[in-house]
């Protein structure tokens, strides 16, 4: 997840819906590569936004923890 890591770190704290939609479009634009990393990036971002919207913080806001929950620890880089 070396390429996607900055995207996930920066994108995980976005609260503006329009900005999230733009980021979703950017991530989707790479889907043609059929890369597992792209799918995982999307899942991590959506999970982080769900947690952020739900007011859950602390370790629940750790994108690395989300990767572990998704069973993708190898993508921690």
C-alpha atoms as a PDB file:
ATOM      1  CA  UNK A   1       0.000   0.000   0.000  1.00  0.00           C
ATOM      2  CA  UNK A   2       2.998   2.257  -0.375  1.00  0.00           C
ATOM      3  CA  UNK A   3       1.457   4.365  -3.137  1.00  0.00           C
ATOM      4  CA  UNK A   4      -1.982   4.482  -1.546  1.00  0.00           C
ATOM      5  CA  UNK A   5      -0.791   5.114   1.985  1.00  0.00           C
ATOM      6  CA  UNK A   6      -0.636   8.937   1.711  1.00  0.00           C
ATOM      7  CA  UNK A   7      -4.052   8.896   0.053  1.00  0.00           C
ATOM      8  CA  UNK A   8      -5.545   6.850   2.887  1.00  0.00           C
ATOM      9  CA  UNK A   9      -3.865   8.868   5.630  1.00  0.00           C
ATOM     10  CA  UNK A  10      -4.951  12.211   4.191  1.00  0.00           C
ATOM     11  CA  UNK A  11      -8.320  11.032   2.918  1.00  0.00           C
ATOM     12  CA  UNK A  12      -9.370   9.308   6.119  1.00  0.00           C
ATOM     13  CA  UNK A  13     -10.031  12.598   7.898  1.00  0.00           C
ATOM     14  CA  UNK A  14     -12.124  14.256   5.181  1.00  0.00           C
ATOM     15  CA  UNK A  15     -15.525  15.320   6.495  1.00  0.00           C
ATOM     16  CA  UNK A  16     -16.849  17.248   3.490  1.00  0.00           C
ATOM     17  CA  UNK A  17     -19.166  15.070   1.372  1.00  0.00           C
ATOM     18  CA  UNK A  18     -18.213  16.720  -1.928  1.00  0.00           C
ATOM     19  CA  UNK A  19     -14.517  16.217  -1.226  1.00  0.00           C
ATOM     20  CA  UNK A  20     -15.145  12.582  -0.324  1.00  0.00           C
ATOM     21  CA  UNK A  21     -16.979  12.127  -3.604  1.00  0.00           C
ATOM     22  CA  UNK A  22     -14.027  13.594  -5.505  1.00  0.00           C
ATOM     23  CA  UNK A  23     -11.668  11.231  -3.714  1.00  0.00           C
ATOM     24  CA  UNK A  24     -13.963   8.289  -4.477  1.00  0.00           C
ATOM     25  CA  UNK A  25     -13.804   9.277  -8.162  1.00  0.00           C
ATOM     26  CA  UNK A  26     -10.006   9.470  -8.049  1.00  0.00           C
ATOM     27  CA  UNK A  27      -9.742   6.028  -6.466  1.00  0.00           C
ATOM     28  CA  UNK A  28     -12.267   4.607  -8.936  1.00  0.00           C
ATOM     29  CA  UNK A  29     -10.255   6.022 -11.835  1.00  0.00           C
ATOM     30  CA  UNK A  30      -7.493   3.572 -10.948  1.00  0.00           C
ATOM     31  CA  UNK A  31      -9.835   0.568 -10.854  1.00  0.00           C
ATOM     32  CA  UNK A  32      -8.927  -0.363 -14.434  1.00  0.00           C
ATOM     33  CA  UNK A  33      -5.706  -1.745 -13.020  1.00  0.00           C
ATOM     34  CA  UNK A  34      -7.723  -4.454 -11.244  1.00  0.00           C
ATOM     35  CA  UNK A  35      -5.394  -4.121  -8.323  1.00  0.00           C
ATOM     36  CA  UNK A  36      -6.326  -5.456  -4.888  1.00  0.00           C
ATOM     37  CA  UNK A  37      -4.696  -2.366  -3.405  1.00  0.00           C
ATOM     38  CA  UNK A  38      -7.298  -0.106  -5.051  1.00  0.00           C
ATOM     39  CA  UNK A  39     -10.147  -2.152  -3.587  1.00  0.00           C
ATOM     40  CA  UNK A  40      -8.558  -2.087  -0.146  1.00  0.00           C
ATOM     41  CA  UNK A  41      -7.963   1.672  -0.309  1.00  0.00           C
ATOM     42  CA  UNK A  42     -11.632   2.186  -1.072  1.00  0.00           C
ATOM     43  CA  UNK A  43     -12.724  -0.106   1.751  1.00  0.00           C
ATOM     44  CA  UNK A  44     -10.390   1.558   4.259  1.00  0.00           C
ATOM     45  CA  UNK A  45     -11.572   5.047   3.333  1.00  0.00           C
ATOM     46  CA  UNK A  46     -15.245   4.086   3.576  1.00  0.00           C
ATOM     47  CA  UNK A  47     -14.663   2.415   6.946  1.00  0.00           C
ATOM     48  CA  UNK A  48     -12.756   5.413   8.259  1.00  0.00           C
ATOM     49  CA  UNK A  49     -15.492   7.803   7.099  1.00  0.00           C
ATOM     50  CA  UNK A  50     -18.181   5.631   8.724  1.00  0.00           C
ATOM     51  CA  UNK A  51     -16.276   5.763  11.995  1.00  0.00           C
ATOM     52  CA  UNK A  52     -15.652   9.494  11.685  1.00  0.00           C
ATOM     53  CA  UNK A  53     -19.320  10.167  10.938  1.00  0.00           C
ATOM     54  CA  UNK A  54     -20.329   7.987  13.876  1.00  0.00           C
ATOM     55  CA  UNK A  55     -18.216  10.041  16.260  1.00  0.00           C
ATOM     56  CA  UNK A  56     -15.960   7.141  17.083  1.00  0.00           C
ATOM     57  CA  UNK A  57     -12.349   8.118  17.714  1.00  0.00           C
ATOM     58  CA  UNK A  58      -9.276   6.743  19.406  1.00  0.00           C
ATOM     59  CA  UNK A  59      -7.920   3.495  18.017  1.00  0.00           C
ATOM     60  CA  UNK A  60     -11.058   3.165  15.915  1.00  0.00           C
ATOM     61  CA  UNK A  61      -9.724   6.052  13.838  1.00  0.00           C
ATOM     62  CA  UNK A  62      -6.477   4.243  13.082  1.00  0.00           C
ATOM     63  CA  UNK A  63      -6.391   3.274   9.392  1.00  0.00           C
ATOM     64  CA  UNK A  64      -3.779   0.630  10.208  1.00  0.00           C
ATOM     65  CA  UNK A  65      -6.253  -1.002  12.596  1.00  0.00           C
ATOM     66  CA  UNK A  66      -8.817  -1.052   9.780  1.00  0.00           C
ATOM     67  CA  UNK A  67      -6.311  -2.877   7.551  1.00  0.00           C
ATOM     68  CA  UNK A  68      -5.835  -5.467  10.269  1.00  0.00           C
ATOM     69  CA  UNK A  69      -9.611  -5.866  10.627  1.00  0.00           C
ATOM     70  CA  UNK A  70      -9.865  -6.376   6.855  1.00  0.00           C
ATOM     71  CA  UNK A  71      -7.222  -9.100   7.070  1.00  0.00           C
ATOM     72  CA  UNK A  72      -4.757  -7.065   5.000  1.00  0.00           C
ATOM     73  CA  UNK A  73      -1.829  -6.443   7.387  1.00  0.00           C
ATOM     74  CA  UNK A  74       0.657  -7.056   4.578  1.00  0.00           C
ATOM     75  CA  UNK A  75      -0.487  -3.836   2.916  1.00  0.00           C
ATOM     76  CA  UNK A  76       0.798  -1.777   5.831  1.00  0.00           C
ATOM     77  CA  UNK A  77       4.012  -1.392   3.843  1.00  0.00           C
END
